[in-house]
Amino acid sequence: MIAMSFSFCASVNTDIMMDMVTKLSKPKVALVHQMPFTTDQKGLAAAVEKVYFGATVCKYYLSLHVLGISCFTGMSYMLKKKHLEDVEGMAYFGKFLAEDFYLAKYLHDRGFQFHVAAFPAQQNVASTSIINFKNRMVRWLRLRLNAVPLLSGVFELVTESVPLGIYAAWSAYTVFGLNPFLWFCGHWTVWLILDYIQLKVVQVLVLFLIYVGPLLLDIYLSFSDRKFNDANIS
């Protein structure tokens, strides 16, 4: 049996369901989740949210997944309920504040694999404001500090643009005698350019999946069904 969960008001079409079910059908895969993203909205706060999810979140979400490290948000996911029978189902994780983290940890510790869906989860926040975004980030940081204090309190700082730029500029000055100010400016310029490219790729990918993806998915599924039927006939 398959369970699907959302942490926001969601609209799911057939193509999204087919993609997630297809990935979940593999024996070692216990959970398929969507990368969090945002819809197009007007205003500065909406732009800040889109940049955050399309650049920062996307960066570590996909890279950690490629490395086989558990990186999962409970925004939208599908899982096999049979793997939760030892703890009497989803109700067990309801006692945790960050239930998605402990759910992923439980499955990952037992050797199961996670897959990321081809379609990002486009959340549509009801009221966007800088204050609400700041409060959301502070709440998430507190959860991470309580769940993984060493990772969030120490190693997470190394991945941020400003601390990493300062470390690199100091190293370039100490080792090679280069101007640390110019090094930092170059570092930040390259960082912003790469973030912009990544955000554009994710945004274009969403539009591509909405308009072209369903056709390619139908072709792929038709071809897969034909190969399966030919194998049964032979």
Protein backbone atom coordinates (compact mmCIF):
# COMPACT_ATOMS: atom_id res chain seq x y z
CA MET A 1 0.00 0.00 0.00
CA ILE A 2 1.18 3.53 -0.85
CA ALA A 3 0.66 6.67 1.23
CA MET A 4 1.07 10.23 -0.04
CA SER A 5 1.44 13.23 2.22
CA PHE A 6 1.52 17.01 1.77
CA SER A 7 2.36 19.79 4.21
CA PHE A 8 0.45 22.34 2.13
CA CYS A 9 -2.69 22.57 -0.01
CA ALA A 10 -1.69 20.64 -3.13
CA SER A 11 -3.02 19.87 -6.56
CA VAL A 12 -1.62 16.71 -8.12
CA ASN A 13 -2.15 15.66 -11.71
CA THR A 14 -1.83 12.23 -13.30
CA ASP A 15 1.66 12.82 -14.66
CA ILE A 16 3.07 13.65 -11.22
CA MET A 17 1.41 10.57 -9.72
CA MET A 18 2.67 8.31 -12.50
CA ASP A 19 6.23 9.60 -12.15
CA MET A 20 6.29 9.06 -8.39
CA VAL A 21 4.59 5.64 -8.51
CA THR A 22 7.00 4.47 -11.23
CA LYS A 23 10.01 5.44 -9.13
CA LEU A 24 8.46 3.93 -6.00
CA SER A 25 7.86 0.58 -7.72
CA LYS A 26 11.55 -0.35 -7.40
CA PRO A 27 12.10 -2.84 -4.53
CA LYS A 28 14.78 -0.89 -2.64
CA VAL A 29 12.99 2.46 -2.93
CA ALA A 30 10.82 3.23 0.09
CA LEU A 31 10.11 6.92 -0.46
CA VAL A 32 9.80 9.35 -3.38
CA HIS A 33 9.72 13.07 -2.61
CA GLN A 34 9.41 16.31 -4.54
CA MET A 35 11.95 19.11 -4.40
CA PRO A 36 10.32 22.18 -2.81
CA PHE A 37 9.84 25.17 -5.10
CA THR A 38 7.38 28.06 -5.44
CA THR A 39 4.83 29.31 -7.92
CA ASP A 40 5.21 32.66 -9.69
CA GLN A 41 3.83 35.47 -7.52
CA LYS A 42 4.24 39.23 -7.43
CA GLY A 43 6.19 41.17 -4.83
CA LEU A 44 9.62 41.27 -3.21
CA ALA A 45 8.84 38.59 -0.62
CA ALA A 46 7.70 36.17 -3.32
CA ALA A 47 10.91 36.83 -5.27
CA VAL A 48 13.00 36.17 -2.15
CA GLU A 49 11.20 32.86 -1.58
CA LYS A 50 11.70 31.80 -5.20
CA VAL A 51 15.42 32.62 -5.09
CA TYR A 52 15.83 30.77 -1.79
CA PHE A 53 14.10 27.59 -2.96
CA GLY A 54 15.40 27.73 -6.54
CA ALA A 55 19.01 28.45 -5.61
CA THR A 56 19.90 27.58 -2.01
CA VAL A 57 17.50 24.69 -1.31
CA CYS A 58 17.84 23.21 -4.79
CA LYS A 59 21.63 23.24 -4.48
CA TYR A 60 21.93 21.05 -1.40
CA TYR A 61 18.72 19.10 -2.02
CA LEU A 62 19.90 17.60 -5.31
CA SER A 63 23.62 17.39 -4.50
CA LEU A 64 23.05 15.48 -1.26
CA HIS A 65 20.63 13.16 -3.05
CA VAL A 66 23.27 12.37 -5.69
CA LEU A 67 25.76 11.59 -2.89
CA GLY A 68 23.27 9.19 -1.27
CA ILE A 69 22.82 11.35 1.83
CA SER A 70 19.33 11.63 3.29
CA CYS A 71 17.96 15.09 2.47
CA PHE A 72 14.19 15.09 2.66
CA THR A 73 11.49 17.64 3.42
CA GLY A 74 7.97 16.49 4.14
CA MET A 75 6.40 19.01 1.78
CA SER A 76 5.22 16.38 -0.69
CA TYR A 77 6.15 12.72 -0.72
CA MET A 78 4.95 9.17 -1.40
CA LEU A 79 6.04 6.10 0.54
CA LYS A 80 5.36 2.39 1.02
CA LYS A 81 3.39 1.96 4.23
CA LYS A 82 4.53 -1.63 4.69
CA HIS A 83 7.98 -0.39 5.74
CA LEU A 84 6.42 1.35 8.75
CA GLU A 85 4.71 -1.73 10.17
CA ASP A 86 7.36 -2.15 12.89
CA VAL A 87 6.35 1.19 14.43
CA GLU A 88 2.61 0.85 13.77
CA GLY A 89 2.46 3.25 10.85
CA MET A 90 2.63 7.02 10.43
CA ALA A 91 1.05 7.74 13.82
CA TYR A 92 4.34 6.90 15.54
CA PHE A 93 6.07 9.93 14.00
CA GLY A 94 3.29 12.30 15.05
CA LYS A 95 4.96 12.78 18.44
CA PHE A 96 7.93 14.50 16.81
CA LEU A 97 7.96 18.18 15.87
CA ALA A 98 10.09 17.47 12.77
CA GLU A 99 8.34 14.24 11.86
CA ASP A 100 9.66 14.28 8.28
CA PHE A 101 13.27 14.18 9.53
CA TYR A 102 12.65 11.21 11.82
CA LEU A 103 10.63 9.40 9.16
CA ALA A 104 13.47 9.74 6.66
CA LYS A 105 16.05 8.75 9.28
CA TYR A 106 14.05 5.65 10.19
CA LEU A 107 13.88 4.45 6.57
CA HIS A 108 17.44 5.50 5.68
CA ASP A 109 18.92 3.67 8.70
CA ARG A 110 17.26 0.47 7.43
CA GLY A 111 18.99 0.68 4.07
CA PHE A 112 16.11 1.93 1.93
CA GLN A 113 16.65 4.36 -0.94
CA PHE A 114 14.95 7.69 -1.64
CA HIS A 115 14.24 9.11 -5.09
CA VAL A 116 13.48 12.70 -6.08
CA ALA A 117 10.46 13.16 -8.35
CA ALA A 118 10.87 14.81 -11.74
CA PHE A 119 8.25 17.43 -10.83
CA PRO A 120 9.08 19.98 -8.10
CA ALA A 121 6.44 20.71 -5.46
CA GLN A 122 5.28 24.25 -6.23
CA GLN A 123 3.96 25.73 -3.02
CA ASN A 124 1.71 28.75 -3.11
CA VAL A 125 2.14 30.62 0.17
CA ALA A 126 -1.05 32.44 1.18
CA SER A 127 0.57 35.57 2.63
CA THR A 128 4.12 36.35 1.54
CA SER A 129 6.14 38.93 3.47
CA ILE A 130 9.76 39.38 4.47
CA ILE A 131 8.83 39.00 8.15
CA ASN A 132 7.01 35.71 7.53
CA PHE A 133 9.93 34.43 5.46
CA LYS A 134 12.40 35.39 8.22
CA ASN A 135 10.28 33.67 10.87
CA ARG A 136 10.07 30.57 8.70
CA MET A 137 13.84 30.42 8.26
CA VAL A 138 14.43 30.91 12.01
CA ARG A 139 11.94 28.13 12.81
CA TRP A 140 13.60 25.73 10.37
CA LEU A 141 17.07 26.60 11.72
CA ARG A 142 15.97 25.84 15.28
CA LEU A 143 14.62 22.48 14.14
CA ARG A 144 17.88 21.64 12.37
CA LEU A 145 19.95 22.69 15.39
CA ASN A 146 17.92 20.36 17.61
CA ALA A 147 17.91 17.46 15.13
CA VAL A 148 21.50 17.64 13.79
CA PRO A 149 23.39 20.23 15.93
CA LEU A 150 26.89 19.52 14.61
CA LEU A 151 25.85 19.58 10.97
CA SER A 152 23.69 22.70 11.26
CA GLY A 153 25.79 24.60 13.77
CA VAL A 154 29.23 24.01 12.25
CA PHE A 155 29.34 22.41 8.80
CA GLU A 156 26.35 24.31 7.41
CA LEU A 157 28.30 27.55 7.83
CA VAL A 158 30.97 26.30 5.43
CA THR A 159 28.41 26.06 2.64
CA GLU A 160 27.23 29.69 2.92
CA SER A 161 28.60 32.22 0.43
CA VAL A 162 29.91 34.86 2.88
CA PRO A 163 31.80 32.60 5.34
CA LEU A 164 33.14 30.48 2.49
CA GLY A 165 34.28 33.63 0.65
CA ILE A 166 36.06 34.90 3.76
CA TYR A 167 37.84 31.57 4.28
CA ALA A 168 38.87 31.42 0.62
CA ALA A 169 40.04 35.06 0.56
CA TRP A 170 42.12 34.57 3.70
CA SER A 171 43.62 31.37 2.26
CA ALA A 172 44.44 33.05 -1.07
CA TYR A 173 46.14 35.93 0.76
CA THR A 174 48.06 33.67 3.17
CA VAL A 175 49.24 31.11 0.61
CA PHE A 176 49.56 33.13 -2.62
CA GLY A 177 49.68 36.74 -1.39
CA LEU A 178 46.62 37.69 -3.45
CA ASN A 179 44.39 40.65 -2.61
CA PRO A 180 41.69 39.22 -0.31
CA PHE A 181 39.16 41.95 -1.17
CA LEU A 182 39.39 41.29 -4.91
CA TRP A 183 39.28 37.54 -4.28
CA PHE A 184 36.12 37.88 -2.20
CA CYS A 185 34.46 40.09 -4.83
CA GLY A 186 35.31 37.56 -7.54
CA HIS A 187 34.08 34.69 -5.39
CA TRP A 188 30.75 36.38 -4.70
CA THR A 189 30.30 37.37 -8.35
CA VAL A 190 30.82 33.80 -9.53
CA TRP A 191 28.52 32.52 -6.75
CA LEU A 192 25.69 34.87 -7.79
CA ILE A 193 26.09 33.97 -11.46
CA LEU A 194 25.92 30.23 -10.71
CA ASP A 195 22.88 30.75 -8.46
CA TYR A 196 21.18 32.71 -11.25
CA ILE A 197 21.89 29.97 -13.79
CA GLN A 198 20.60 27.30 -11.42
CA LEU A 199 17.41 29.25 -10.70
CA LYS A 200 16.78 29.73 -14.42
CA VAL A 201 17.35 26.03 -15.05
CA VAL A 202 14.83 25.05 -12.36
CA GLN A 203 12.29 27.61 -13.59
CA VAL A 204 12.63 26.49 -17.22
CA LEU A 205 12.51 22.84 -16.12
CA VAL A 206 9.17 23.45 -14.38
CA LEU A 207 7.70 25.04 -17.51
CA PHE A 208 9.13 22.24 -19.65
CA LEU A 209 7.62 19.55 -17.43
CA ILE A 210 4.23 21.26 -17.39
CA TYR A 211 3.92 21.61 -21.15
CA VAL A 212 6.24 19.01 -22.72
CA GLY A 213 6.79 16.53 -19.88
CA PRO A 214 3.35 14.85 -20.07
CA LEU A 215 3.86 13.98 -23.74
CA LEU A 216 7.33 12.51 -23.15
CA LEU A 217 6.08 10.59 -20.10
CA ASP A 218 3.24 9.06 -22.11
CA ILE A 219 5.69 7.99 -24.82
CA TYR A 220 8.05 6.48 -22.23
CA LEU A 221 5.26 4.59 -20.44
CA SER A 222 3.85 3.30 -23.73
CA PHE A 223 7.30 2.05 -24.77
CA SER A 224 7.86 0.43 -21.35
CA ASP A 225 4.49 -1.33 -21.48
CA ARG A 226 5.24 -2.64 -24.97
CA LYS A 227 8.62 -4.02 -23.86
CA PHE A 228 6.97 -5.65 -20.83
CA ASN A 229 4.26 -7.25 -23.00
CA ASP A 230 6.79 -8.48 -25.57
CA ALA A 231 8.83 -10.07 -22.79
CA ASN A 232 5.76 -11.86 -21.44
CA ILE A 233 4.83 -13.12 -24.91
CA SER A 234 8.31 -14.48 -25.55
